[in-house]
Amino acid sequence: MSAVLLTGFTPFDAATTNPSWQAASLVASRRNDTVAVELPCAFGAALPALRTAIERHRPALVVCSGVANRRREVTPERVAINVIDARIPDNAGVQPVDVPVVETGPAAYFSTLPVQAVVAAIRSAGVPAAVSFTAGTYVCNQVFYGLMHLLATDFPELRGGFVHVPAESELAVEDSAKALAIAVDTARSVTTDPAGTLH
């Protein structure tokens, strides 16, 4: 049993590494309270792997992460939407277009991480960060939405959310790992979030 479950993804779209997994595994290697699990970048396999990890490790907090190649900041995600609309095929060659993550699920779920407090703490440590209001419509959003659906239906005692890290060309993996560790510590100590943003 671990207090925290961190996840990252396998490489995809011809990449040889994925900074989300590199950062998550680095954090877990330095902490006794955290386990890291690498999720497949595949629509049919990612959520079953996430459920298995939760059932196996029984964490109190789940923080999933993925890479956002066009971002230069670490971006905790505020909301997951119930849609998959894949720009490119996943690692299994599947490319769903305009289908729900969960057929009977609500339109969206909000993170239960204190995203504003997380961003403030990451910035205070000298790592660029900002709240994001879109996790996209690829496997990252599917996992984020699927996580929140699991927490709403099967694991109501857990808290969780999703954090995007930049590509390694935009931010060192060490900084992304530092940000994920701060996100974990902040989420474990902060239960209410400050007021939001103007845009």
N, C-alpha and C. Protein backbone atom coordinates (compact mmCIF):
# COMPACT_ATOMS: atom_id res chain seq x y z
N MET A 1 0.85 -1.20 0.00
CA MET A 1 0.00 0.00 0.00
C MET A 1 0.88 1.24 0.00
N SER A 2 0.63 2.16 -0.92
CA SER A 2 1.38 3.41 -1.01
C SER A 2 0.43 4.58 -0.84
N ALA A 3 0.93 5.66 -0.27
CA ALA A 3 0.08 6.83 -0.07
C ALA A 3 -0.22 7.52 -1.39
N VAL A 4 0.71 7.43 -2.34
CA VAL A 4 0.57 8.17 -3.59
C VAL A 4 0.86 7.26 -4.77
N LEU A 5 -0.01 7.33 -5.78
CA LEU A 5 0.22 6.67 -7.06
C LEU A 5 0.47 7.75 -8.10
N LEU A 6 1.63 7.70 -8.73
CA LEU A 6 1.97 8.58 -9.85
C LEU A 6 1.98 7.75 -11.12
N THR A 7 1.43 8.30 -12.19
CA THR A 7 1.52 7.60 -13.47
C THR A 7 2.10 8.52 -14.53
N GLY A 8 2.76 7.90 -15.50
CA GLY A 8 3.20 8.55 -16.72
C GLY A 8 2.90 7.62 -17.88
N PHE A 9 3.23 8.04 -19.08
CA PHE A 9 2.91 7.25 -20.27
C PHE A 9 4.15 6.70 -20.96
N THR A 10 3.93 5.62 -21.69
CA THR A 10 4.95 5.13 -22.60
C THR A 10 5.16 6.15 -23.73
N PRO A 11 6.29 6.08 -24.42
CA PRO A 11 6.49 6.96 -25.59
C PRO A 11 5.45 6.69 -26.66
N PHE A 12 5.16 7.71 -27.46
CA PHE A 12 4.18 7.56 -28.55
C PHE A 12 4.56 8.47 -29.70
N ASP A 13 3.92 8.26 -30.84
CA ASP A 13 4.13 9.10 -32.02
C ASP A 13 5.61 9.17 -32.41
N ALA A 14 6.26 8.01 -32.43
CA ALA A 14 7.65 7.85 -32.86
C ALA A 14 8.68 8.37 -31.87
N ALA A 15 8.26 8.87 -30.73
CA ALA A 15 9.21 9.31 -29.70
C ALA A 15 9.85 8.09 -29.04
N THR A 16 11.04 8.26 -28.52
CA THR A 16 11.74 7.16 -27.85
C THR A 16 11.64 7.25 -26.33
N THR A 17 11.25 8.39 -25.82
CA THR A 17 11.06 8.57 -24.38
C THR A 17 9.79 9.38 -24.16
N ASN A 18 9.29 9.36 -22.94
CA ASN A 18 8.15 10.19 -22.57
C ASN A 18 8.50 10.88 -21.25
N PRO A 19 8.64 12.20 -21.26
CA PRO A 19 9.04 12.91 -20.05
C PRO A 19 8.10 12.71 -18.86
N SER A 20 6.83 12.40 -19.14
CA SER A 20 5.91 12.18 -18.02
C SER A 20 6.31 10.95 -17.22
N TRP A 21 6.67 9.88 -17.92
CA TRP A 21 7.11 8.67 -17.22
C TRP A 21 8.49 8.87 -16.60
N GLN A 22 9.38 9.54 -17.31
CA GLN A 22 10.70 9.80 -16.74
C GLN A 22 10.58 10.58 -15.43
N ALA A 23 9.73 11.60 -15.42
CA ALA A 23 9.57 12.42 -14.22
C ALA A 23 8.87 11.65 -13.10
N ALA A 24 7.81 10.92 -13.44
CA ALA A 24 7.07 10.17 -12.42
C ALA A 24 7.95 9.10 -11.77
N SER A 25 8.69 8.37 -12.59
CA SER A 25 9.55 7.32 -12.04
C SER A 25 10.68 7.90 -11.21
N LEU A 26 11.17 9.07 -11.59
CA LEU A 26 12.22 9.73 -10.81
C LEU A 26 11.70 10.13 -9.43
N VAL A 27 10.49 10.69 -9.39
CA VAL A 27 9.89 11.05 -8.10
C VAL A 27 9.74 9.81 -7.22
N ALA A 28 9.21 8.76 -7.77
CA ALA A 28 8.97 7.54 -6.99
C ALA A 28 10.27 6.93 -6.47
N SER A 29 11.35 7.07 -7.24
CA SER A 29 12.63 6.50 -6.82
C SER A 29 13.21 7.23 -5.61
N ARG A 30 12.70 8.42 -5.34
CA ARG A 30 13.23 9.25 -4.25
C ARG A 30 12.34 9.30 -3.02
N ARG A 31 11.16 8.66 -3.10
CA ARG A 31 10.19 8.77 -2.02
C ARG A 31 9.72 7.38 -1.59
N ASN A 32 9.58 7.21 -0.30
CA ASN A 32 9.09 5.94 0.23
C ASN A 32 7.57 5.84 0.19
N ASP A 33 6.89 6.98 0.00
CA ASP A 33 5.42 6.99 0.06
C ASP A 33 4.77 6.95 -1.32
N THR A 34 5.57 6.82 -2.37
CA THR A 34 5.06 6.97 -3.74
C THR A 34 5.47 5.80 -4.61
N VAL A 35 4.53 5.34 -5.42
CA VAL A 35 4.81 4.32 -6.43
C VAL A 35 4.46 4.91 -7.79
N ALA A 36 5.25 4.58 -8.79
CA ALA A 36 5.00 5.06 -10.16
C ALA A 36 4.64 3.89 -11.06
N VAL A 37 3.67 4.13 -11.94
CA VAL A 37 3.22 3.11 -12.89
C VAL A 37 3.20 3.74 -14.28
N GLU A 38 3.76 3.03 -15.24
CA GLU A 38 3.78 3.50 -16.63
C GLU A 38 2.54 2.98 -17.35
N LEU A 39 1.71 3.89 -17.84
CA LEU A 39 0.51 3.51 -18.55
C LEU A 39 0.77 3.41 -20.05
N PRO A 40 0.13 2.46 -20.72
CA PRO A 40 0.26 2.39 -22.18
C PRO A 40 -0.45 3.56 -22.84
N CYS A 41 0.14 4.08 -23.90
CA CYS A 41 -0.51 5.15 -24.66
C CYS A 41 -1.41 4.49 -25.70
N ALA A 42 -2.49 3.89 -25.19
CA ALA A 42 -3.42 3.15 -26.04
C ALA A 42 -4.80 3.24 -25.40
N PHE A 43 -5.78 3.63 -26.19
CA PHE A 43 -7.12 3.87 -25.66
C PHE A 43 -7.72 2.63 -25.00
N GLY A 44 -7.47 1.47 -25.57
CA GLY A 44 -8.07 0.27 -25.02
C GLY A 44 -7.40 -0.28 -23.79
N ALA A 45 -6.17 0.15 -23.54
CA ALA A 45 -5.38 -0.44 -22.45
C ALA A 45 -5.10 0.50 -21.29
N ALA A 46 -5.17 1.80 -21.51
CA ALA A 46 -4.74 2.75 -20.48
C ALA A 46 -5.61 2.70 -19.23
N LEU A 47 -6.92 2.74 -19.39
CA LEU A 47 -7.79 2.76 -18.21
C LEU A 47 -7.80 1.44 -17.46
N PRO A 48 -7.82 0.28 -18.13
CA PRO A 48 -7.66 -0.96 -17.37
C PRO A 48 -6.36 -1.02 -16.57
N ALA A 49 -5.28 -0.50 -17.14
CA ALA A 49 -4.00 -0.48 -16.42
C ALA A 49 -4.07 0.45 -15.21
N LEU A 50 -4.77 1.58 -15.36
CA LEU A 50 -4.92 2.50 -14.25
C LEU A 50 -5.74 1.87 -13.12
N ARG A 51 -6.84 1.24 -13.47
CA ARG A 51 -7.66 0.58 -12.45
C ARG A 51 -6.86 -0.50 -11.72
N THR A 52 -6.12 -1.29 -12.47
CA THR A 52 -5.29 -2.33 -11.85
C THR A 52 -4.29 -1.74 -10.87
N ALA A 53 -3.68 -0.62 -11.26
CA ALA A 53 -2.71 0.03 -10.38
C ALA A 53 -3.36 0.53 -9.10
N ILE A 54 -4.55 1.12 -9.21
CA ILE A 54 -5.25 1.61 -8.03
C ILE A 54 -5.63 0.44 -7.12
N GLU A 55 -6.15 -0.62 -7.69
CA GLU A 55 -6.55 -1.78 -6.89
C GLU A 55 -5.35 -2.45 -6.23
N ARG A 56 -4.23 -2.45 -6.92
CA ARG A 56 -3.04 -3.10 -6.37
C ARG A 56 -2.40 -2.29 -5.26
N HIS A 57 -2.27 -0.98 -5.47
CA HIS A 57 -1.50 -0.15 -4.54
C HIS A 57 -2.36 0.56 -3.50
N ARG A 58 -3.65 0.68 -3.75
CA ARG A 58 -4.59 1.30 -2.81
C ARG A 58 -4.07 2.63 -2.26
N PRO A 59 -3.79 3.58 -3.14
CA PRO A 59 -3.25 4.86 -2.68
C PRO A 59 -4.35 5.74 -2.09
N ALA A 60 -3.94 6.79 -1.42
CA ALA A 60 -4.87 7.82 -0.95
C ALA A 60 -4.96 8.97 -1.96
N LEU A 61 -3.95 9.08 -2.82
CA LEU A 61 -3.87 10.16 -3.80
C LEU A 61 -3.35 9.59 -5.11
N VAL A 62 -3.98 9.99 -6.23
CA VAL A 62 -3.54 9.56 -7.56
C VAL A 62 -3.26 10.80 -8.39
N VAL A 63 -2.04 10.89 -8.90
CA VAL A 63 -1.68 11.99 -9.80
C VAL A 63 -1.17 11.38 -11.09
N CYS A 64 -1.96 11.52 -12.14
CA CYS A 64 -1.56 11.04 -13.46
C CYS A 64 -0.86 12.18 -14.20
N SER A 65 0.08 11.82 -15.04
CA SER A 65 0.79 12.85 -15.80
C SER A 65 0.98 12.41 -17.24
N GLY A 66 1.11 13.40 -18.11
CA GLY A 66 1.36 13.18 -19.52
C GLY A 66 2.18 14.31 -20.07
N VAL A 67 2.64 14.17 -21.30
CA VAL A 67 3.46 15.21 -21.91
C VAL A 67 2.60 16.07 -22.83
N ALA A 68 2.82 17.37 -22.77
CA ALA A 68 2.18 18.33 -23.68
C ALA A 68 3.30 19.00 -24.46
N ASN A 69 3.48 18.59 -25.69
CA ASN A 69 4.66 18.97 -26.45
C ASN A 69 4.74 20.46 -26.78
N ARG A 70 3.62 21.15 -26.80
CA ARG A 70 3.65 22.56 -27.19
C ARG A 70 3.63 23.50 -25.99
N ARG A 71 3.72 22.97 -24.81
CA ARG A 71 3.68 23.81 -23.60
C ARG A 71 5.07 23.96 -23.00
N ARG A 72 5.30 25.11 -22.41
CA ARG A 72 6.59 25.39 -21.77
C ARG A 72 6.48 25.43 -20.25
N GLU A 73 5.29 25.18 -19.74
CA GLU A 73 5.06 25.20 -18.30
C GLU A 73 4.48 23.87 -17.86
N VAL A 74 4.68 23.53 -16.60
CA VAL A 74 3.97 22.41 -15.99
C VAL A 74 2.54 22.87 -15.76
N THR A 75 1.58 22.09 -16.22
CA THR A 75 0.19 22.56 -16.20
C THR A 75 -0.74 21.54 -15.54
N PRO A 76 -1.04 21.72 -14.27
CA PRO A 76 -2.10 20.93 -13.64
C PRO A 76 -3.42 21.19 -14.35
N GLU A 77 -4.13 20.13 -14.65
CA GLU A 77 -5.38 20.25 -15.41
C GLU A 77 -6.56 20.46 -14.47
N ARG A 78 -7.45 21.35 -14.84
CA ARG A 78 -8.63 21.66 -14.02
C ARG A 78 -9.80 20.76 -14.33
N VAL A 79 -10.01 20.44 -15.63
CA VAL A 79 -11.24 19.74 -16.01
C VAL A 79 -10.96 18.70 -17.10
N ALA A 80 -11.61 17.55 -16.97
CA ALA A 80 -11.56 16.49 -17.98
C ALA A 80 -12.92 16.41 -18.67
N ILE A 81 -12.93 16.25 -19.98
CA ILE A 81 -14.19 16.20 -20.71
C ILE A 81 -14.44 14.79 -21.27
N ASN A 82 -15.71 14.47 -21.43
CA ASN A 82 -16.10 13.13 -21.83
C ASN A 82 -16.11 12.98 -23.35
N VAL A 83 -14.94 13.13 -23.93
CA VAL A 83 -14.83 12.95 -25.39
C VAL A 83 -13.42 12.50 -25.74
N ILE A 84 -13.35 11.61 -26.71
CA ILE A 84 -12.08 11.21 -27.33
C ILE A 84 -12.15 11.62 -28.79
N ASP A 85 -11.15 12.36 -29.24
CA ASP A 85 -11.09 12.80 -30.63
C ASP A 85 -9.61 12.81 -31.02
N ALA A 86 -9.13 11.68 -31.47
CA ALA A 86 -7.70 11.48 -31.63
C ALA A 86 -7.17 12.09 -32.92
N ARG A 87 -6.18 12.96 -32.79
CA ARG A 87 -5.54 13.57 -33.95
C ARG A 87 -4.66 12.57 -34.68
N ILE A 88 -4.05 11.65 -33.91
CA ILE A 88 -3.17 10.62 -34.46
C ILE A 88 -3.55 9.28 -33.85
N PRO A 89 -3.19 8.18 -34.48
CA PRO A 89 -3.46 6.87 -33.87
C PRO A 89 -2.67 6.69 -32.58
N ASP A 90 -3.21 5.87 -31.68
CA ASP A 90 -2.47 5.53 -30.47
C ASP A 90 -1.44 4.45 -30.80
N ASN A 91 -0.77 3.93 -29.79
CA ASN A 91 0.29 2.95 -30.03
C ASN A 91 -0.23 1.61 -30.52
N ALA A 92 -1.53 1.40 -30.45
CA ALA A 92 -2.14 0.19 -30.99
C ALA A 92 -2.71 0.41 -32.38
N GLY A 93 -2.50 1.62 -32.91
CA GLY A 93 -3.01 1.93 -34.24
C GLY A 93 -4.47 2.33 -34.28
N VAL A 94 -5.05 2.61 -33.11
CA VAL A 94 -6.46 2.96 -33.00
C VAL A 94 -6.60 4.49 -32.98
N GLN A 95 -7.60 5.01 -33.67
CA GLN A 95 -7.80 6.45 -33.76
C GLN A 95 -9.29 6.79 -33.62
N PRO A 96 -9.84 6.74 -32.41
CA PRO A 96 -11.25 7.07 -32.22
C PRO A 96 -11.51 8.54 -32.52
N VAL A 97 -12.66 8.83 -33.07
CA VAL A 97 -13.05 10.20 -33.38
C VAL A 97 -14.44 10.47 -32.82
N ASP A 98 -14.52 11.49 -31.96
CA ASP A 98 -15.80 11.98 -31.45
C ASP A 98 -16.61 10.88 -30.76
N VAL A 99 -15.97 10.19 -29.83
CA VAL A 99 -16.65 9.18 -29.02
C VAL A 99 -16.45 9.50 -27.55
N PRO A 100 -17.38 9.10 -26.68
CA PRO A 100 -17.22 9.40 -25.26
C PRO A 100 -16.19 8.51 -24.59
N VAL A 101 -15.59 9.02 -23.53
CA VAL A 101 -14.72 8.19 -22.69
C VAL A 101 -15.56 7.15 -21.98
N VAL A 102 -16.67 7.61 -21.38
CA VAL A 102 -17.61 6.74 -20.69
C VAL A 102 -18.99 7.01 -21.28
N GLU A 103 -19.60 6.01 -21.86
CA GLU A 103 -20.85 6.18 -22.60
C GLU A 103 -21.93 6.89 -21.80
N THR A 104 -22.08 6.54 -20.55
CA THR A 104 -23.15 7.13 -19.72
C THR A 104 -22.62 8.13 -18.71
N GLY A 105 -21.39 8.59 -18.89
CA GLY A 105 -20.79 9.50 -17.92
C GLY A 105 -21.23 10.94 -18.13
N PRO A 106 -20.99 11.78 -17.12
CA PRO A 106 -21.31 13.21 -17.27
C PRO A 106 -20.40 13.88 -18.28
N ALA A 107 -20.75 15.09 -18.66
CA ALA A 107 -19.98 15.81 -19.68
C ALA A 107 -18.55 16.09 -19.24
N ALA A 108 -18.35 16.29 -17.95
CA ALA A 108 -17.02 16.66 -17.48
C ALA A 108 -16.87 16.33 -16.00
N TYR A 109 -15.62 16.24 -15.58
CA TYR A 109 -15.26 16.12 -14.17
C TYR A 109 -14.19 17.16 -13.87
N PHE A 110 -14.26 17.73 -12.66
CA PHE A 110 -13.21 18.61 -12.19
C PHE A 110 -12.19 17.82 -11.37
N SER A 111 -10.94 18.24 -11.46
CA SER A 111 -9.90 17.66 -10.63
C SER A 111 -10.23 17.85 -9.16
N THR A 112 -9.82 16.92 -8.33
CA THR A 112 -9.93 17.12 -6.89
C THR A 112 -8.58 17.48 -6.28
N LEU A 113 -7.61 17.81 -7.13
CA LEU A 113 -6.36 18.40 -6.65
C LEU A 113 -6.55 19.91 -6.47
N PRO A 114 -5.86 20.51 -5.52
CA PRO A 114 -5.93 21.97 -5.35
C PRO A 114 -5.05 22.66 -6.40
N VAL A 115 -5.54 22.76 -7.62
CA VAL A 115 -4.68 23.13 -8.75
C VAL A 115 -4.06 24.53 -8.61
N GLN A 116 -4.82 25.47 -8.07
CA GLN A 116 -4.25 26.81 -7.90
C GLN A 116 -3.11 26.80 -6.88
N ALA A 117 -3.30 26.10 -5.79
CA ALA A 117 -2.25 26.00 -4.77
C ALA A 117 -1.04 25.24 -5.31
N VAL A 118 -1.29 24.23 -6.12
CA VAL A 118 -0.20 23.47 -6.73
C VAL A 118 0.63 24.37 -7.63
N VAL A 119 -0.04 25.14 -8.48
CA VAL A 119 0.68 26.05 -9.38
C VAL A 119 1.50 27.06 -8.59
N ALA A 120 0.91 27.64 -7.56
CA ALA A 120 1.63 28.63 -6.75
C ALA A 120 2.87 28.01 -6.11
N ALA A 121 2.75 26.79 -5.62
CA ALA A 121 3.89 26.13 -4.98
C ALA A 121 4.99 25.79 -5.97
N ILE A 122 4.60 25.34 -7.16
CA ILE A 122 5.59 25.02 -8.19
C ILE A 122 6.33 26.28 -8.62
N ARG A 123 5.58 27.36 -8.83
CA ARG A 123 6.22 28.63 -9.22
C ARG A 123 7.17 29.12 -8.14
N SER A 124 6.78 28.96 -6.88
CA SER A 124 7.63 29.40 -5.78
C SER A 124 8.95 28.66 -5.75
N ALA A 125 8.97 27.46 -6.31
CA ALA A 125 10.20 26.66 -6.38
C ALA A 125 11.01 26.96 -7.63
N GLY A 126 10.56 27.92 -8.43
CA GLY A 126 11.32 28.35 -9.59
C GLY A 126 11.06 27.58 -10.87
N VAL A 127 9.98 26.78 -10.88
CA VAL A 127 9.63 26.03 -12.09
C VAL A 127 8.39 26.68 -12.71
N PRO A 128 8.40 26.96 -14.00
CA PRO A 128 7.23 27.59 -14.63
C PRO A 128 6.01 26.67 -14.57
N ALA A 129 4.86 27.26 -14.22
CA ALA A 129 3.63 26.48 -14.07
C ALA A 129 2.43 27.37 -14.31
N ALA A 130 1.33 26.75 -14.74
CA ALA A 130 0.08 27.47 -14.95
C ALA A 130 -1.06 26.47 -14.90
N VAL A 131 -2.24 26.94 -14.50
CA VAL A 131 -3.43 26.11 -14.54
C VAL A 131 -3.85 25.93 -16.00
N SER A 132 -4.21 24.72 -16.38
CA SER A 132 -4.74 24.46 -17.72
C SER A 132 -6.21 24.08 -17.61
N PHE A 133 -6.98 24.54 -18.58
CA PHE A 133 -8.40 24.23 -18.62
C PHE A 133 -8.75 23.30 -19.79
N THR A 134 -7.73 22.70 -20.40
CA THR A 134 -7.98 21.70 -21.43
C THR A 134 -6.88 20.66 -21.41
N ALA A 135 -7.28 19.41 -21.22
CA ALA A 135 -6.34 18.30 -21.26
C ALA A 135 -6.31 17.66 -22.64
N GLY A 136 -6.91 18.32 -23.63
CA GLY A 136 -6.95 17.79 -24.98
C GLY A 136 -8.05 16.77 -25.14
N THR A 137 -7.94 15.96 -26.18
CA THR A 137 -8.94 14.91 -26.44
C THR A 137 -8.26 13.60 -26.83
N TYR A 138 -7.01 13.46 -26.39
CA TYR A 138 -6.24 12.25 -26.71
C TYR A 138 -6.20 11.35 -25.46
N VAL A 139 -5.21 10.50 -25.33
CA VAL A 139 -5.18 9.52 -24.24
C VAL A 139 -5.01 10.21 -22.88
N CYS A 140 -4.34 11.36 -22.84
CA CYS A 140 -4.20 12.08 -21.58
C CYS A 140 -5.58 12.45 -21.00
N ASN A 141 -6.40 13.05 -21.81
CA ASN A 141 -7.74 13.41 -21.33
C ASN A 141 -8.55 12.16 -21.02
N GLN A 142 -8.41 11.11 -21.82
CA GLN A 142 -9.13 9.87 -21.53
C GLN A 142 -8.76 9.34 -20.14
N VAL A 143 -7.48 9.34 -19.83
CA VAL A 143 -7.03 8.85 -18.52
C VAL A 143 -7.50 9.78 -17.41
N PHE A 144 -7.41 11.08 -17.62
CA PHE A 144 -7.87 12.04 -16.62
C PHE A 144 -9.36 11.85 -16.34
N TYR A 145 -10.15 11.80 -17.41
CA TYR A 145 -11.59 11.61 -17.23
C TYR A 145 -11.87 10.24 -16.60
N GLY A 146 -11.21 9.23 -17.11
CA GLY A 146 -11.41 7.89 -16.58
C GLY A 146 -11.04 7.79 -15.11
N LEU A 147 -9.95 8.46 -14.72
CA LEU A 147 -9.57 8.50 -13.31
C LEU A 147 -10.66 9.12 -12.47
N MET A 148 -11.14 10.28 -12.89
CA MET A 148 -12.13 10.98 -12.09
C MET A 148 -13.45 10.21 -12.04
N HIS A 149 -13.76 9.50 -13.11
CA HIS A 149 -14.96 8.66 -13.11
C HIS A 149 -14.80 7.50 -12.12
N LEU A 150 -13.62 6.90 -12.10
CA LEU A 150 -13.35 5.84 -11.13
C LEU A 150 -13.47 6.36 -9.70
N LEU A 151 -12.94 7.55 -9.45
CA LEU A 151 -13.00 8.11 -8.10
C LEU A 151 -14.44 8.46 -7.72
N ALA A 152 -15.22 8.89 -8.69
CA ALA A 152 -16.61 9.25 -8.41
C ALA A 152 -17.50 8.03 -8.20
N THR A 153 -17.14 6.91 -8.81
CA THR A 153 -18.03 5.75 -8.78
C THR A 153 -17.53 4.61 -7.90
N ASP A 154 -16.24 4.30 -7.99
CA ASP A 154 -15.72 3.10 -7.32
C ASP A 154 -14.76 3.38 -6.17
N PHE A 155 -14.10 4.54 -6.18
CA PHE A 155 -13.11 4.84 -5.15
C PHE A 155 -13.34 6.24 -4.58
N PRO A 156 -14.49 6.49 -3.97
CA PRO A 156 -14.83 7.84 -3.52
C PRO A 156 -13.93 8.38 -2.41
N GLU A 157 -13.18 7.52 -1.77
CA GLU A 157 -12.30 7.95 -0.69
C GLU A 157 -11.00 8.55 -1.22
N LEU A 158 -10.74 8.41 -2.52
CA LEU A 158 -9.49 8.88 -3.10
C LEU A 158 -9.63 10.29 -3.66
N ARG A 159 -8.50 10.96 -3.77
CA ARG A 159 -8.42 12.24 -4.48
C ARG A 159 -7.47 12.06 -5.64
N GLY A 160 -7.67 12.86 -6.69
CA GLY A 160 -6.78 12.70 -7.82
C GLY A 160 -6.94 13.78 -8.87
N GLY A 161 -6.05 13.71 -9.84
CA GLY A 161 -6.08 14.67 -10.94
C GLY A 161 -4.96 14.38 -11.93
N PHE A 162 -4.73 15.33 -12.80
CA PHE A 162 -3.80 15.14 -13.92
C PHE A 162 -2.91 16.36 -14.07
N VAL A 163 -1.64 16.11 -14.39
CA VAL A 163 -0.66 17.18 -14.60
C VAL A 163 0.06 16.92 -15.92
N HIS A 164 0.08 17.93 -16.79
CA HIS A 164 0.87 17.84 -18.00
C HIS A 164 2.26 18.44 -17.75
N VAL A 165 3.27 17.76 -18.27
CA VAL A 165 4.63 18.31 -18.22
C VAL A 165 5.06 18.61 -19.65
N PRO A 166 5.96 19.58 -19.84
CA PRO A 166 6.42 19.90 -21.20
C PRO A 166 7.33 18.82 -21.76
N ALA A 167 7.57 18.89 -23.05
CA ALA A 167 8.58 18.05 -23.68
C ALA A 167 9.94 18.39 -23.09
N GLU A 168 10.85 17.42 -23.15
CA GLU A 168 12.17 17.62 -22.55
C GLU A 168 12.91 18.79 -23.20
N SER A 169 12.60 19.11 -24.45
CA SER A 169 13.24 20.24 -25.11
C SER A 169 12.81 21.57 -24.51
N GLU A 170 11.66 21.58 -23.84
CA GLU A 170 11.14 22.82 -23.25
C GLU A 170 11.43 22.93 -21.75
N LEU A 171 11.58 21.81 -21.06
CA LEU A 171 11.82 21.82 -19.63
C LEU A 171 12.53 20.52 -19.26
N ALA A 172 13.58 20.63 -18.45
CA ALA A 172 14.33 19.44 -18.07
C ALA A 172 13.45 18.48 -17.28
N VAL A 173 13.67 17.20 -17.47
CA VAL A 173 12.92 16.19 -16.73
C VAL A 173 13.09 16.38 -15.23
N GLU A 174 14.27 16.79 -14.80
CA GLU A 174 14.50 17.04 -13.38
C GLU A 174 13.54 18.09 -12.84
N ASP A 175 13.30 19.14 -13.62
CA ASP A 175 12.36 20.18 -13.19
C ASP A 175 10.92 19.66 -13.20
N SER A 176 10.59 18.83 -14.18
CA SER A 176 9.25 18.24 -14.20
C SER A 176 9.05 17.33 -12.99
N ALA A 177 10.07 16.56 -12.64
CA ALA A 177 9.99 15.70 -11.46
C ALA A 177 9.84 16.54 -10.19
N LYS A 178 10.58 17.62 -10.12
CA LYS A 178 10.46 18.53 -8.98
C LYS A 178 9.03 19.05 -8.87
N ALA A 179 8.45 19.42 -10.00
CA ALA A 179 7.08 19.94 -10.01
C ALA A 179 6.08 18.88 -9.58
N LEU A 180 6.24 17.64 -10.06
CA LEU A 180 5.32 16.57 -9.67
C LEU A 180 5.42 16.29 -8.18
N ALA A 181 6.62 16.30 -7.64
CA ALA A 181 6.78 16.08 -6.21
C ALA A 181 6.10 17.19 -5.40
N ILE A 182 6.22 18.41 -5.87
CA ILE A 182 5.56 19.54 -5.21
C ILE A 182 4.04 19.39 -5.32
N ALA A 183 3.57 18.96 -6.47
CA ALA A 183 2.13 18.75 -6.64
C ALA A 183 1.61 17.72 -5.64
N VAL A 184 2.35 16.66 -5.47
CA VAL A 184 1.97 15.62 -4.51
C VAL A 184 1.93 16.18 -3.09
N ASP A 185 3.00 16.86 -2.69
CA ASP A 185 3.07 17.39 -1.32
C ASP A 185 1.98 18.41 -1.07
N THR A 186 1.71 19.25 -2.06
CA THR A 186 0.68 20.28 -1.91
C THR A 186 -0.70 19.64 -1.81
N ALA A 187 -0.96 18.67 -2.67
CA ALA A 187 -2.26 18.00 -2.64
C ALA A 187 -2.50 17.26 -1.33
N ARG A 188 -1.43 16.77 -0.72
CA ARG A 188 -1.58 16.06 0.55
C ARG A 188 -1.78 17.00 1.72
N SER A 189 -1.36 18.26 1.58
CA SER A 189 -1.45 19.19 2.71
C SER A 189 -2.53 20.25 2.56
N VAL A 190 -3.02 20.47 1.33
CA VAL A 190 -4.01 21.52 1.07
C VAL A 190 -5.33 20.87 0.67
N THR A 191 -6.39 21.20 1.35
CA THR A 191 -7.70 20.61 1.04
C THR A 191 -8.65 21.60 0.38
N THR A 192 -8.40 22.90 0.50
CA THR A 192 -9.21 23.90 -0.18
C THR A 192 -8.32 24.74 -1.07
N ASP A 193 -8.85 25.12 -2.23
CA ASP A 193 -8.04 25.83 -3.22
C ASP A 193 -8.34 27.33 -3.18
N PRO A 194 -7.32 28.17 -3.42
CA PRO A 194 -7.57 29.61 -3.51
C PRO A 194 -8.49 29.95 -4.68
N ALA A 195 -8.90 31.21 -4.74
CA ALA A 195 -9.77 31.68 -5.83
C ALA A 195 -9.05 31.52 -7.17
N GLY A 196 -9.85 31.50 -8.24
CA GLY A 196 -9.33 31.15 -9.56
C GLY A 196 -8.75 32.30 -10.35
N THR A 197 -8.73 32.11 -11.67
CA THR A 197 -8.07 33.05 -12.57
C THR A 197 -9.10 33.87 -13.33
N LEU A 198 -8.64 34.89 -14.01
CA LEU A 198 -9.52 35.73 -14.82
C LEU A 198 -9.78 35.12 -16.18
N HIS A 199 -8.87 34.30 -16.71
CA HIS A 199 -9.05 33.70 -18.03
C HIS A 199 -8.29 32.39 -18.11
